[in-house]
Amino acid sequence: MKYLGVDFGMKRAGLAVSQGQLATPWKTVEGKGWLDLAEKISQIVSEENFEKIVVGLPEGQMGKKVQKFINLLLKKSLDVVSADETLTSKGAFKLMITTGKGKEKRKSDDAVAAALILQNYLDELTG
C-alpha cells in the first residue's frame, strides 16, 4: 500500500511517503490556508496514486482544526486516518540536530515530522 503522511499546519503541511514499512520525508506544501492545503493534498494524492493518508492529530484547539481538515479530505472520498502526533515535532527537531541540519532548515522541515507520524502509524500496524 502507498501511504502519504501529513504533518498539518494552517499554512504549510509536511509530507512523507511509504510504500512499505519505512516512512521517508518527502516535501513541504505551502497553502493560503487549510482549505487550499486540502485541495493541494487531494491533488497530490490523485497524481501520485496514494492509497491512504495518515494525518497527525494533535491535542487541544489545533486538534479540532486538524479534524476539520481531515473531514474535508474524507468528503473528497479519500481514505484518511488520524494518528497521534504527540511529540513528533520535538522528535523531528532532535533528529535534524543529530543529522546536522542547519538552523534555517530545521525551522521549515515539516516533512521530517510527517515521516515520524507515518512511521509511528506503520509501526503500530505491524505491532
N, C-alpha and C. Protein backbone atom coordinates (compact mmCIF):
# COMPACT_ATOMS: atom_id res chain seq x y z
N MET A 1 0.85 -1.18 0.00
CA MET A 1 0.00 0.00 0.00
C MET A 1 0.89 1.24 0.00
N LYS A 2 0.48 2.26 -0.72
CA LYS A 2 1.23 3.51 -0.80
C LYS A 2 0.58 4.53 0.13
N TYR A 3 1.36 4.97 1.15
CA TYR A 3 0.87 5.89 2.17
C TYR A 3 1.44 7.29 1.99
N LEU A 4 0.62 8.29 2.37
CA LEU A 4 1.07 9.67 2.45
C LEU A 4 0.90 10.11 3.90
N GLY A 5 1.98 10.51 4.54
CA GLY A 5 1.93 11.05 5.90
C GLY A 5 1.84 12.56 5.83
N VAL A 6 1.03 13.16 6.70
CA VAL A 6 0.82 14.61 6.69
C VAL A 6 0.99 15.19 8.09
N ASP A 7 1.89 16.17 8.19
CA ASP A 7 2.01 16.99 9.40
C ASP A 7 1.37 18.32 9.03
N PHE A 8 0.14 18.53 9.46
CA PHE A 8 -0.67 19.68 9.03
C PHE A 8 -0.39 20.92 9.84
N GLY A 9 -0.28 22.05 9.13
CA GLY A 9 -0.21 23.37 9.74
C GLY A 9 -1.19 24.25 8.98
N MET A 10 -1.52 25.40 9.52
CA MET A 10 -2.54 26.24 8.90
C MET A 10 -2.12 26.80 7.54
N LYS A 11 -0.83 26.94 7.30
CA LYS A 11 -0.37 27.46 6.01
C LYS A 11 0.65 26.57 5.33
N ARG A 12 1.02 25.49 6.00
CA ARG A 12 2.06 24.61 5.46
C ARG A 12 1.83 23.19 5.98
N ALA A 13 2.10 22.21 5.13
CA ALA A 13 1.98 20.81 5.54
C ALA A 13 3.22 20.05 5.11
N GLY A 14 3.79 19.33 6.05
CA GLY A 14 4.90 18.44 5.73
C GLY A 14 4.35 17.12 5.23
N LEU A 15 4.99 16.56 4.21
CA LEU A 15 4.53 15.30 3.63
C LEU A 15 5.63 14.25 3.69
N ALA A 16 5.22 13.02 3.91
CA ALA A 16 6.13 11.87 3.92
C ALA A 16 5.48 10.75 3.14
N VAL A 17 6.29 9.82 2.64
CA VAL A 17 5.78 8.72 1.84
C VAL A 17 6.27 7.38 2.36
N SER A 18 5.52 6.34 2.03
CA SER A 18 5.92 4.97 2.32
C SER A 18 5.20 4.03 1.38
N GLN A 19 5.96 3.10 0.83
CA GLN A 19 5.34 2.02 0.05
C GLN A 19 5.62 0.68 0.70
N GLY A 20 6.19 0.72 1.86
CA GLY A 20 6.48 -0.47 2.64
C GLY A 20 6.38 -0.09 4.10
N GLN A 21 7.32 -0.56 4.89
CA GLN A 21 7.28 -0.31 6.33
C GLN A 21 8.20 0.82 6.78
N LEU A 22 8.78 1.57 5.82
CA LEU A 22 9.69 2.65 6.17
C LEU A 22 9.20 3.97 5.59
N ALA A 23 8.93 4.94 6.47
CA ALA A 23 8.47 6.27 6.05
C ALA A 23 9.68 7.15 5.75
N THR A 24 9.54 7.98 4.71
CA THR A 24 10.61 8.87 4.29
C THR A 24 10.05 10.29 4.13
N PRO A 25 10.75 11.30 4.67
CA PRO A 25 10.32 12.68 4.43
C PRO A 25 10.30 12.95 2.93
N TRP A 26 9.30 13.68 2.45
CA TRP A 26 9.17 13.93 1.02
C TRP A 26 9.30 15.41 0.69
N LYS A 27 8.31 16.21 1.08
CA LYS A 27 8.35 17.63 0.77
C LYS A 27 7.39 18.40 1.66
N THR A 28 7.46 19.72 1.54
CA THR A 28 6.55 20.60 2.26
C THR A 28 5.70 21.35 1.25
N VAL A 29 4.39 21.42 1.52
CA VAL A 29 3.46 22.10 0.63
C VAL A 29 2.97 23.36 1.33
N GLU A 30 3.03 24.48 0.62
CA GLU A 30 2.55 25.76 1.15
C GLU A 30 1.13 26.00 0.63
N GLY A 31 0.31 26.66 1.45
CA GLY A 31 -1.05 26.98 1.03
C GLY A 31 -1.48 28.32 1.60
N LYS A 32 -2.61 28.82 1.11
CA LYS A 32 -3.15 30.10 1.58
C LYS A 32 -4.03 29.90 2.81
N GLY A 33 -4.14 28.69 3.26
CA GLY A 33 -4.97 28.35 4.40
C GLY A 33 -5.30 26.87 4.31
N TRP A 34 -6.07 26.38 5.28
CA TRP A 34 -6.30 24.94 5.32
C TRP A 34 -7.18 24.44 4.19
N LEU A 35 -8.09 25.26 3.67
CA LEU A 35 -8.90 24.84 2.52
C LEU A 35 -8.03 24.64 1.29
N ASP A 36 -7.11 25.58 1.07
CA ASP A 36 -6.18 25.49 -0.04
C ASP A 36 -5.27 24.27 0.11
N LEU A 37 -4.79 24.03 1.33
CA LEU A 37 -3.94 22.87 1.58
C LEU A 37 -4.69 21.56 1.33
N ALA A 38 -5.95 21.50 1.73
CA ALA A 38 -6.75 20.29 1.49
C ALA A 38 -6.87 20.03 -0.01
N GLU A 39 -7.08 21.08 -0.78
CA GLU A 39 -7.19 20.93 -2.24
C GLU A 39 -5.86 20.46 -2.84
N LYS A 40 -4.77 21.06 -2.40
CA LYS A 40 -3.45 20.68 -2.92
C LYS A 40 -3.09 19.24 -2.57
N ILE A 41 -3.39 18.85 -1.35
CA ILE A 41 -3.08 17.48 -0.94
C ILE A 41 -3.97 16.48 -1.67
N SER A 42 -5.22 16.83 -1.87
CA SER A 42 -6.11 15.98 -2.65
C SER A 42 -5.57 15.77 -4.07
N GLN A 43 -5.06 16.83 -4.65
CA GLN A 43 -4.49 16.75 -6.00
C GLN A 43 -3.24 15.87 -6.00
N ILE A 44 -2.39 16.02 -4.99
CA ILE A 44 -1.18 15.20 -4.89
C ILE A 44 -1.54 13.73 -4.75
N VAL A 45 -2.54 13.43 -3.93
CA VAL A 45 -2.98 12.05 -3.73
C VAL A 45 -3.42 11.44 -5.06
N SER A 46 -4.16 12.21 -5.84
CA SER A 46 -4.64 11.74 -7.13
C SER A 46 -3.48 11.54 -8.12
N GLU A 47 -2.60 12.52 -8.22
CA GLU A 47 -1.48 12.45 -9.16
C GLU A 47 -0.48 11.35 -8.82
N GLU A 48 -0.24 11.13 -7.54
CA GLU A 48 0.78 10.18 -7.10
C GLU A 48 0.21 8.80 -6.71
N ASN A 49 -1.10 8.65 -6.83
CA ASN A 49 -1.78 7.38 -6.54
C ASN A 49 -1.56 6.86 -5.12
N PHE A 50 -1.68 7.75 -4.14
CA PHE A 50 -1.60 7.31 -2.75
C PHE A 50 -2.90 6.59 -2.41
N GLU A 51 -2.78 5.51 -1.63
CA GLU A 51 -3.96 4.73 -1.27
C GLU A 51 -4.52 5.10 0.10
N LYS A 52 -3.67 5.63 0.98
CA LYS A 52 -4.13 6.00 2.31
C LYS A 52 -3.34 7.22 2.77
N ILE A 53 -4.05 8.14 3.46
CA ILE A 53 -3.45 9.34 4.02
C ILE A 53 -3.46 9.21 5.54
N VAL A 54 -2.31 9.43 6.16
CA VAL A 54 -2.18 9.37 7.61
C VAL A 54 -1.87 10.79 8.09
N VAL A 55 -2.82 11.40 8.78
CA VAL A 55 -2.68 12.79 9.23
C VAL A 55 -2.41 12.80 10.73
N GLY A 56 -1.37 13.51 11.13
CA GLY A 56 -1.05 13.66 12.54
C GLY A 56 -2.11 14.49 13.24
N LEU A 57 -2.63 13.98 14.35
CA LEU A 57 -3.69 14.65 15.09
C LEU A 57 -3.17 15.09 16.46
N PRO A 58 -2.99 16.40 16.64
CA PRO A 58 -2.53 16.90 17.94
C PRO A 58 -3.70 17.03 18.91
N GLU A 59 -3.36 17.42 20.12
CA GLU A 59 -4.39 17.64 21.13
C GLU A 59 -4.83 19.10 21.11
N GLY A 60 -5.90 19.41 21.81
CA GLY A 60 -6.34 20.79 22.03
C GLY A 60 -6.98 21.45 20.82
N GLN A 61 -6.88 22.79 20.79
CA GLN A 61 -7.51 23.59 19.73
C GLN A 61 -7.01 23.22 18.35
N MET A 62 -5.70 23.00 18.21
CA MET A 62 -5.17 22.64 16.89
C MET A 62 -5.73 21.29 16.44
N GLY A 63 -5.97 20.40 17.37
CA GLY A 63 -6.56 19.11 17.05
C GLY A 63 -7.94 19.26 16.41
N LYS A 64 -8.71 20.23 16.89
CA LYS A 64 -10.04 20.48 16.32
C LYS A 64 -9.92 20.99 14.89
N LYS A 65 -8.93 21.84 14.64
CA LYS A 65 -8.72 22.36 13.29
C LYS A 65 -8.25 21.25 12.35
N VAL A 66 -7.38 20.38 12.85
CA VAL A 66 -6.90 19.27 12.03
C VAL A 66 -8.04 18.32 11.72
N GLN A 67 -8.94 18.11 12.67
CA GLN A 67 -10.09 17.24 12.42
C GLN A 67 -10.97 17.80 11.30
N LYS A 68 -11.13 19.12 11.24
CA LYS A 68 -11.89 19.74 10.14
C LYS A 68 -11.18 19.50 8.81
N PHE A 69 -9.86 19.59 8.83
CA PHE A 69 -9.06 19.32 7.63
C PHE A 69 -9.26 17.87 7.18
N ILE A 70 -9.22 16.95 8.13
CA ILE A 70 -9.43 15.52 7.83
C ILE A 70 -10.83 15.32 7.24
N ASN A 71 -11.83 15.97 7.81
CA ASN A 71 -13.20 15.85 7.31
C ASN A 71 -13.31 16.33 5.87
N LEU A 72 -12.59 17.40 5.53
CA LEU A 72 -12.57 17.88 4.14
C LEU A 72 -12.03 16.81 3.20
N LEU A 73 -10.93 16.17 3.61
CA LEU A 73 -10.35 15.11 2.78
C LEU A 73 -11.29 13.92 2.65
N LEU A 74 -11.99 13.59 3.74
CA LEU A 74 -12.94 12.48 3.70
C LEU A 74 -14.09 12.78 2.74
N LYS A 75 -14.53 14.04 2.69
CA LYS A 75 -15.60 14.43 1.77
C LYS A 75 -15.19 14.27 0.31
N LYS A 76 -13.89 14.24 0.07
CA LYS A 76 -13.37 14.04 -1.28
C LYS A 76 -13.20 12.54 -1.58
N SER A 77 -13.78 11.70 -0.72
CA SER A 77 -13.74 10.25 -0.85
C SER A 77 -12.32 9.68 -0.79
N LEU A 78 -11.47 10.32 0.02
CA LEU A 78 -10.12 9.82 0.22
C LEU A 78 -10.08 8.94 1.46
N ASP A 79 -9.19 7.96 1.47
CA ASP A 79 -9.01 7.07 2.61
C ASP A 79 -8.05 7.76 3.59
N VAL A 80 -8.61 8.31 4.67
CA VAL A 80 -7.83 9.10 5.62
C VAL A 80 -7.98 8.53 7.02
N VAL A 81 -6.86 8.43 7.72
CA VAL A 81 -6.87 8.05 9.13
C VAL A 81 -6.06 9.09 9.90
N SER A 82 -6.36 9.23 11.17
CA SER A 82 -5.57 10.12 12.01
C SER A 82 -4.64 9.27 12.86
N ALA A 83 -3.53 9.89 13.24
CA ALA A 83 -2.55 9.23 14.09
C ALA A 83 -2.06 10.23 15.12
N ASP A 84 -1.85 9.77 16.32
CA ASP A 84 -1.37 10.64 17.39
C ASP A 84 -0.03 11.26 16.98
N GLU A 85 0.05 12.57 17.09
CA GLU A 85 1.31 13.22 16.72
C GLU A 85 2.03 13.81 17.92
N THR A 86 1.67 13.37 19.11
CA THR A 86 2.30 13.87 20.32
C THR A 86 3.82 13.75 20.23
N LEU A 87 4.48 14.86 20.41
CA LEU A 87 5.94 14.95 20.46
C LEU A 87 6.65 14.71 19.12
N THR A 88 5.93 14.58 18.01
CA THR A 88 6.63 14.35 16.75
C THR A 88 7.43 15.56 16.29
N SER A 89 6.93 16.77 16.54
CA SER A 89 7.69 17.96 16.15
C SER A 89 8.99 18.06 16.95
N LYS A 90 8.91 17.75 18.24
CA LYS A 90 10.14 17.75 19.05
C LYS A 90 11.07 16.64 18.60
N GLY A 91 10.51 15.48 18.27
CA GLY A 91 11.33 14.38 17.78
C GLY A 91 11.99 14.72 16.46
N ALA A 92 11.26 15.39 15.58
CA ALA A 92 11.82 15.80 14.29
C ALA A 92 12.94 16.80 14.50
N PHE A 93 12.74 17.73 15.42
CA PHE A 93 13.76 18.74 15.71
C PHE A 93 15.04 18.09 16.21
N LYS A 94 14.91 17.14 17.15
CA LYS A 94 16.08 16.44 17.68
C LYS A 94 16.78 15.63 16.58
N LEU A 95 16.00 14.98 15.74
CA LEU A 95 16.57 14.19 14.65
C LEU A 95 17.35 15.08 13.69
N MET A 96 16.83 16.25 13.38
CA MET A 96 17.52 17.15 12.45
C MET A 96 18.80 17.71 13.06
N ILE A 97 18.80 17.95 14.36
CA ILE A 97 20.03 18.40 15.02
C ILE A 97 21.07 17.28 14.96
N THR A 98 20.64 16.06 15.27
CA THR A 98 21.54 14.91 15.25
C THR A 98 22.15 14.68 13.88
N THR A 99 21.36 14.91 12.82
CA THR A 99 21.86 14.68 11.46
C THR A 99 22.54 15.90 10.86
N GLY A 100 22.70 16.96 11.66
CA GLY A 100 23.47 18.12 11.21
C GLY A 100 22.73 19.11 10.34
N LYS A 101 21.40 19.14 10.38
CA LYS A 101 20.65 20.13 9.60
C LYS A 101 20.86 21.51 10.20
N GLY A 102 21.02 22.52 9.35
CA GLY A 102 21.21 23.89 9.81
C GLY A 102 19.97 24.46 10.45
N LYS A 103 20.13 25.54 11.18
CA LYS A 103 19.04 26.16 11.93
C LYS A 103 17.87 26.56 11.03
N GLU A 104 18.14 27.18 9.89
CA GLU A 104 17.06 27.60 8.99
C GLU A 104 16.33 26.40 8.41
N LYS A 105 17.04 25.35 8.06
CA LYS A 105 16.41 24.14 7.52
C LYS A 105 15.53 23.49 8.58
N ARG A 106 15.95 23.50 9.82
CA ARG A 106 15.16 22.89 10.90
C ARG A 106 13.85 23.61 11.11
N LYS A 107 13.81 24.91 10.92
CA LYS A 107 12.59 25.69 11.15
C LYS A 107 11.48 25.30 10.18
N SER A 108 11.83 24.92 8.96
CA SER A 108 10.80 24.72 7.95
C SER A 108 10.63 23.28 7.48
N ASP A 109 11.35 22.36 8.04
CA ASP A 109 11.29 21.00 7.51
C ASP A 109 10.23 20.16 8.22
N ASP A 110 8.98 20.43 7.89
CA ASP A 110 7.86 19.69 8.48
C ASP A 110 7.74 18.28 7.91
N ALA A 111 8.43 18.02 6.82
CA ALA A 111 8.38 16.69 6.21
C ALA A 111 8.96 15.63 7.15
N VAL A 112 9.94 16.00 7.96
CA VAL A 112 10.52 15.05 8.92
C VAL A 112 9.48 14.69 9.98
N ALA A 113 8.73 15.68 10.46
CA ALA A 113 7.66 15.40 11.42
C ALA A 113 6.60 14.49 10.78
N ALA A 114 6.28 14.73 9.50
CA ALA A 114 5.31 13.87 8.79
C ALA A 114 5.83 12.44 8.71
N ALA A 115 7.14 12.29 8.49
CA ALA A 115 7.72 10.94 8.42
C ALA A 115 7.63 10.24 9.77
N LEU A 116 7.83 10.97 10.85
CA LEU A 116 7.70 10.37 12.18
C LEU A 116 6.26 9.95 12.47
N ILE A 117 5.31 10.79 12.07
CA ILE A 117 3.89 10.46 12.23
C ILE A 117 3.56 9.18 11.46
N LEU A 118 3.98 9.14 10.20
CA LEU A 118 3.70 7.98 9.36
C LEU A 118 4.42 6.74 9.88
N GLN A 119 5.67 6.89 10.29
CA GLN A 119 6.42 5.74 10.80
C GLN A 119 5.77 5.16 12.06
N ASN A 120 5.32 6.04 12.95
CA ASN A 120 4.63 5.56 14.16
C ASN A 120 3.37 4.78 13.79
N TYR A 121 2.63 5.27 12.80
CA TYR A 121 1.43 4.57 12.34
C TYR A 121 1.78 3.20 11.76
N LEU A 122 2.80 3.16 10.90
CA LEU A 122 3.21 1.90 10.29
C LEU A 122 3.69 0.90 11.34
N ASP A 123 4.42 1.40 12.33
CA ASP A 123 4.91 0.53 13.41
C ASP A 123 3.76 -0.08 14.20
N GLU A 124 2.69 0.73 14.41
CA GLU A 124 1.52 0.21 15.13
C GLU A 124 0.80 -0.86 14.32
N LEU A 125 0.81 -0.72 12.99
CA LEU A 125 0.16 -1.73 12.14
C LEU A 125 0.84 -3.08 12.25
N THR A 126 2.15 -3.05 12.32
CA THR A 126 2.91 -4.31 12.35
C THR A 126 3.10 -4.82 13.77
N GLY A 127 2.79 -3.94 14.75
CA GLY A 127 2.81 -4.23 16.16
C GLY A 127 3.85 -5.14 16.62
